[in-house]
């Protein structure tokens, strides 16, 4: 059997790299016709990822894990960072959907998000390492959270299909 903690961490790292790449695409886009859809895609990706963590993963860990004060503090810090990134992300979306969008504003916000995201993802990956997760939650509890994440992902994809 493959270690579910390691599999989750590998997936987390891949998603974080993809998020970083999405914002790099915005920063590198040559002009507004390319920047606007890239910014909207990157912002939507970040919002969706953080929703899965803040509404499913972190509550699942709080509910099922043997959390120490440092573990709870880590999750609380992640939630605060998600909120800060969300505020920046909302500004990016507003800039990208403005009647007269400004390339410099969009790129500046994308850079700010990319900078904050790099720090946040490094800390999150360390805090959710396979070794750390295996100390705080049973495999059964973690697999249950995995099923909840898959259900939430399926609901989100279904909702996108209905738009």
C-alpha atoms as a PDB file:
ATOM      1  CA  UNK A   1       0.000   0.000   0.000  1.00  0.00           C
ATOM      2  CA  UNK A   2       1.263   3.475  -0.833  1.00  0.00           C
ATOM      3  CA  UNK A   3       1.497   5.885   2.075  1.00  0.00           C
ATOM      4  CA  UNK A   4      -1.599   8.174   1.934  1.00  0.00           C
ATOM      5  CA  UNK A   5       0.287  10.902   3.798  1.00  0.00           C
ATOM      6  CA  UNK A   6       3.059  10.900   1.182  1.00  0.00           C
ATOM      7  CA  UNK A   7       0.534  10.791  -1.672  1.00  0.00           C
ATOM      8  CA  UNK A   8      -1.342  13.762  -0.239  1.00  0.00           C
ATOM      9  CA  UNK A   9       1.880  15.714   0.195  1.00  0.00           C
ATOM     10  CA  UNK A  10       3.011  14.950  -3.360  1.00  0.00           C
ATOM     11  CA  UNK A  11      -0.339  16.176  -4.660  1.00  0.00           C
ATOM     12  CA  UNK A  12      -0.138  19.282  -2.498  1.00  0.00           C
ATOM     13  CA  UNK A  13       3.311  20.128  -3.852  1.00  0.00           C
ATOM     14  CA  UNK A  14       2.085  19.611  -7.433  1.00  0.00           C
ATOM     15  CA  UNK A  15      -0.914  21.885  -6.896  1.00  0.00           C
ATOM     16  CA  UNK A  16       1.281  24.538  -5.291  1.00  0.00           C
ATOM     17  CA  UNK A  17       3.658  24.405  -8.276  1.00  0.00           C
ATOM     18  CA  UNK A  18       0.716  24.726 -10.653  1.00  0.00           C
ATOM     19  CA  UNK A  19      -0.581  27.731  -8.692  1.00  0.00           C
ATOM     20  CA  UNK A  20       2.837  29.349  -8.849  1.00  0.00           C
ATOM     21  CA  UNK A  21       2.910  28.687 -12.578  1.00  0.00           C
ATOM     22  CA  UNK A  22      -0.531  30.225 -13.044  1.00  0.00           C
ATOM     23  CA  UNK A  23       0.589  33.491 -11.458  1.00  0.00           C
ATOM     24  CA  UNK A  24       3.891  33.391 -13.386  1.00  0.00           C
ATOM     25  CA  UNK A  25       1.798  33.222 -16.566  1.00  0.00           C
ATOM     26  CA  UNK A  26      -0.015  36.404 -15.554  1.00  0.00           C
ATOM     27  CA  UNK A  27       3.246  38.180 -14.776  1.00  0.00           C
ATOM     28  CA  UNK A  28       4.810  37.128 -18.081  1.00  0.00           C
ATOM     29  CA  UNK A  29       1.774  37.788 -20.285  1.00  0.00           C
ATOM     30  CA  UNK A  30       2.661  40.220 -23.072  1.00  0.00           C
ATOM     31  CA  UNK A  31      -0.552  42.240 -23.235  1.00  0.00           C
ATOM     32  CA  UNK A  32      -4.044  42.717 -21.817  1.00  0.00           C
ATOM     33  CA  UNK A  33      -5.808  40.206 -24.081  1.00  0.00           C
ATOM     34  CA  UNK A  34      -3.531  37.546 -22.566  1.00  0.00           C
ATOM     35  CA  UNK A  35      -3.268  38.940 -19.031  1.00  0.00           C
ATOM     36  CA  UNK A  36      -6.986  39.205 -18.286  1.00  0.00           C
ATOM     37  CA  UNK A  37      -7.956  35.553 -18.853  1.00  0.00           C
ATOM     38  CA  UNK A  38      -4.712  34.403 -17.211  1.00  0.00           C
ATOM     39  CA  UNK A  39      -5.437  36.554 -14.141  1.00  0.00           C
ATOM     40  CA  UNK A  40      -8.995  35.286 -13.878  1.00  0.00           C
ATOM     41  CA  UNK A  41      -7.829  31.679 -14.229  1.00  0.00           C
ATOM     42  CA  UNK A  42      -5.057  32.055 -11.637  1.00  0.00           C
ATOM     43  CA  UNK A  43      -7.372  33.814  -9.180  1.00  0.00           C
ATOM     44  CA  UNK A  44     -10.075  31.173  -9.598  1.00  0.00           C
ATOM     45  CA  UNK A  45      -7.536  28.392  -9.138  1.00  0.00           C
ATOM     46  CA  UNK A  46      -6.232  29.940  -5.912  1.00  0.00           C
ATOM     47  CA  UNK A  47      -9.735  30.532  -4.550  1.00  0.00           C
ATOM     48  CA  UNK A  48     -10.738  26.946  -5.305  1.00  0.00           C
ATOM     49  CA  UNK A  49      -7.597  25.477  -3.747  1.00  0.00           C
ATOM     50  CA  UNK A  50      -7.918  27.501  -0.572  1.00  0.00           C
ATOM     51  CA  UNK A  51     -11.616  26.697  -0.321  1.00  0.00           C
ATOM     52  CA  UNK A  52     -10.765  22.974  -0.316  1.00  0.00           C
ATOM     53  CA  UNK A  53      -8.170  23.469   2.395  1.00  0.00           C
ATOM     54  CA  UNK A  54     -10.057  25.955   4.575  1.00  0.00           C
ATOM     55  CA  UNK A  55     -13.481  24.317   4.289  1.00  0.00           C
ATOM     56  CA  UNK A  56     -12.562  20.620   4.118  1.00  0.00           C
ATOM     57  CA  UNK A  57      -8.953  19.720   4.963  1.00  0.00           C
ATOM     58  CA  UNK A  58      -8.301  21.998   7.922  1.00  0.00           C
ATOM     59  CA  UNK A  59     -11.705  21.428   9.594  1.00  0.00           C
ATOM     60  CA  UNK A  60     -11.239  17.690   9.010  1.00  0.00           C
ATOM     61  CA  UNK A  61      -7.870  17.795  10.731  1.00  0.00           C
ATOM     62  CA  UNK A  62      -9.286  19.831  13.606  1.00  0.00           C
ATOM     63  CA  UNK A  63     -12.122  17.333  13.999  1.00  0.00           C
ATOM     64  CA  UNK A  64     -10.222  14.048  13.686  1.00  0.00           C
ATOM     65  CA  UNK A  65      -6.606  14.701  14.564  1.00  0.00           C
ATOM     66  CA  UNK A  66      -4.708  14.495  17.828  1.00  0.00           C
ATOM     67  CA  UNK A  67      -3.740  18.136  17.585  1.00  0.00           C
ATOM     68  CA  UNK A  68      -1.244  19.789  19.866  1.00  0.00           C
ATOM     69  CA  UNK A  69      -1.299  23.530  20.398  1.00  0.00           C
ATOM     70  CA  UNK A  70       1.459  23.929  17.780  1.00  0.00           C
ATOM     71  CA  UNK A  71      -0.620  21.980  15.232  1.00  0.00           C
ATOM     72  CA  UNK A  72      -3.706  24.091  15.896  1.00  0.00           C
ATOM     73  CA  UNK A  73      -1.563  27.224  15.717  1.00  0.00           C
ATOM     74  CA  UNK A  74      -0.234  26.089  12.361  1.00  0.00           C
ATOM     75  CA  UNK A  75      -3.753  25.597  10.976  1.00  0.00           C
ATOM     76  CA  UNK A  76      -4.881  28.939  12.397  1.00  0.00           C
ATOM     77  CA  UNK A  77      -1.896  30.635  10.730  1.00  0.00           C
ATOM     78  CA  UNK A  78      -2.762  28.939   7.427  1.00  0.00           C
ATOM     79  CA  UNK A  79      -6.331  30.211   7.692  1.00  0.00           C
ATOM     80  CA  UNK A  80      -5.075  33.755   8.320  1.00  0.00           C
ATOM     81  CA  UNK A  81      -2.706  33.518   5.348  1.00  0.00           C
ATOM     82  CA  UNK A  82      -5.536  32.223   3.167  1.00  0.00           C
ATOM     83  CA  UNK A  83      -7.603  35.248   4.188  1.00  0.00           C
ATOM     84  CA  UNK A  84      -4.760  37.648   3.335  1.00  0.00           C
ATOM     85  CA  UNK A  85      -4.185  35.950  -0.023  1.00  0.00           C
ATOM     86  CA  UNK A  86      -7.925  36.000  -0.687  1.00  0.00           C
ATOM     87  CA  UNK A  87      -8.019  39.775  -0.195  1.00  0.00           C
ATOM     88  CA  UNK A  88      -5.149  40.221  -2.664  1.00  0.00           C
ATOM     89  CA  UNK A  89      -6.850  37.803  -5.038  1.00  0.00           C
ATOM     90  CA  UNK A  90     -10.089  39.800  -4.902  1.00  0.00           C
ATOM     91  CA  UNK A  91      -8.140  42.936  -5.792  1.00  0.00           C
ATOM     92  CA  UNK A  92      -6.595  41.064  -8.724  1.00  0.00           C
ATOM     93  CA  UNK A  93     -10.012  39.944  -9.944  1.00  0.00           C
ATOM     94  CA  UNK A  94     -11.354  43.489  -9.617  1.00  0.00           C
ATOM     95  CA  UNK A  95      -8.398  44.849 -11.599  1.00  0.00           C
ATOM     96  CA  UNK A  96      -8.813  42.176 -14.281  1.00  0.00           C
ATOM     97  CA  UNK A  97     -12.536  42.827 -14.669  1.00  0.00           C
ATOM     98  CA  UNK A  98     -12.402  46.626 -14.464  1.00  0.00           C
ATOM     99  CA  UNK A  99     -13.939  48.524 -17.397  1.00  0.00           C
ATOM    100  CA  UNK A 100     -10.468  49.799 -18.333  1.00  0.00           C
ATOM    101  CA  UNK A 101      -7.985  47.276 -16.900  1.00  0.00           C
ATOM    102  CA  UNK A 102      -4.411  48.402 -16.345  1.00  0.00           C
ATOM    103  CA  UNK A 103      -1.670  45.918 -17.164  1.00  0.00           C
ATOM    104  CA  UNK A 104       0.681  47.386 -14.544  1.00  0.00           C
ATOM    105  CA  UNK A 105      -1.903  46.998 -11.760  1.00  0.00           C
ATOM    106  CA  UNK A 106      -2.712  43.408 -12.699  1.00  0.00           C
ATOM    107  CA  UNK A 107       0.942  42.402 -12.967  1.00  0.00           C
ATOM    108  CA  UNK A 108       1.785  44.148  -9.682  1.00  0.00           C
ATOM    109  CA  UNK A 109      -0.988  42.304  -7.844  1.00  0.00           C
ATOM    110  CA  UNK A 110      -0.012  38.991  -9.440  1.00  0.00           C
ATOM    111  CA  UNK A 111       3.581  39.563  -8.256  1.00  0.00           C
ATOM    112  CA  UNK A 112       2.376  40.334  -4.723  1.00  0.00           C
ATOM    113  CA  UNK A 113       0.288  37.181  -4.683  1.00  0.00           C
ATOM    114  CA  UNK A 114       3.143  35.095  -6.111  1.00  0.00           C
ATOM    115  CA  UNK A 115       5.501  36.390  -3.414  1.00  0.00           C
ATOM    116  CA  UNK A 116       3.050  35.706  -0.580  1.00  0.00           C
ATOM    117  CA  UNK A 117       2.104  32.372  -2.090  1.00  0.00           C
ATOM    118  CA  UNK A 118       5.732  31.195  -2.265  1.00  0.00           C
ATOM    119  CA  UNK A 119       6.210  31.810   1.454  1.00  0.00           C
ATOM    120  CA  UNK A 120       2.831  30.369   2.367  1.00  0.00           C
ATOM    121  CA  UNK A 121       3.206  27.191   0.328  1.00  0.00           C
ATOM    122  CA  UNK A 122       6.654  26.481   1.749  1.00  0.00           C
ATOM    123  CA  UNK A 123       5.296  26.749   5.295  1.00  0.00           C
ATOM    124  CA  UNK A 124       2.167  24.780   4.459  1.00  0.00           C
ATOM    125  CA  UNK A 125       4.116  21.957   2.833  1.00  0.00           C
ATOM    126  CA  UNK A 126       6.344  21.712   5.908  1.00  0.00           C
ATOM    127  CA  UNK A 127       3.346  21.785   8.247  1.00  0.00           C
ATOM    128  CA  UNK A 128       1.509  19.150   6.243  1.00  0.00           C
ATOM    129  CA  UNK A 129       4.517  16.920   5.655  1.00  0.00           C
ATOM    130  CA  UNK A 130       3.880  13.166   5.658  1.00  0.00           C
ATOM    131  CA  UNK A 131       5.876  12.792   8.879  1.00  0.00           C
ATOM    132  CA  UNK A 132       3.933  15.500  10.667  1.00  0.00           C
ATOM    133  CA  UNK A 133       0.531  14.320   9.454  1.00  0.00           C
ATOM    134  CA  UNK A 134       1.260  10.738  10.481  1.00  0.00           C
ATOM    135  CA  UNK A 135       1.960  11.999  14.007  1.00  0.00           C
ATOM    136  CA  UNK A 136      -1.302  13.902  14.365  1.00  0.00           C
ATOM    137  CA  UNK A 137      -3.916  11.775  12.623  1.00  0.00           C
ATOM    138  CA  UNK A 138      -4.621   8.100  12.050  1.00  0.00           C
ATOM    139  CA  UNK A 139      -4.595   6.722   8.537  1.00  0.00           C
ATOM    140  CA  UNK A 140      -8.317   5.967   8.886  1.00  0.00           C
ATOM    141  CA  UNK A 141      -9.091   9.565   9.868  1.00  0.00           C
ATOM    142  CA  UNK A 142      -6.912  10.900   7.091  1.00  0.00           C
ATOM    143  CA  UNK A 143      -8.531   8.639   4.498  1.00  0.00           C
ATOM    144  CA  UNK A 144     -11.910   9.913   5.651  1.00  0.00           C
ATOM    145  CA  UNK A 145     -10.734  13.489   5.037  1.00  0.00           C
ATOM    146  CA  UNK A 146      -9.500  12.343   1.621  1.00  0.00           C
ATOM    147  CA  UNK A 147     -12.969  11.094   0.748  1.00  0.00           C
ATOM    148  CA  UNK A 148     -14.452  14.412   1.877  1.00  0.00           C
ATOM    149  CA  UNK A 149     -11.953  16.275  -0.307  1.00  0.00           C
ATOM    150  CA  UNK A 150     -12.872  14.105  -3.311  1.00  0.00           C
ATOM    151  CA  UNK A 151     -16.589  14.701  -2.689  1.00  0.00           C
ATOM    152  CA  UNK A 152     -16.025  18.457  -2.417  1.00  0.00           C
ATOM    153  CA  UNK A 153     -13.903  18.421  -5.594  1.00  0.00           C
ATOM    154  CA  UNK A 154     -16.634  16.530  -7.470  1.00  0.00           C
ATOM    155  CA  UNK A 155     -19.282  19.024  -6.284  1.00  0.00           C
ATOM    156  CA  UNK A 156     -17.099  21.965  -7.347  1.00  0.00           C
ATOM    157  CA  UNK A 157     -16.485  20.460 -10.777  1.00  0.00           C
ATOM    158  CA  UNK A 158     -20.178  19.734 -11.204  1.00  0.00           C
ATOM    159  CA  UNK A 159     -21.008  23.329 -10.278  1.00  0.00           C
ATOM    160  CA  UNK A 160     -18.517  24.582 -12.877  1.00  0.00           C
ATOM    161  CA  UNK A 161     -20.177  22.413 -15.475  1.00  0.00           C
ATOM    162  CA  UNK A 162     -23.538  23.982 -14.711  1.00  0.00           C
ATOM    163  CA  UNK A 163     -22.332  27.537 -15.320  1.00  0.00           C
END
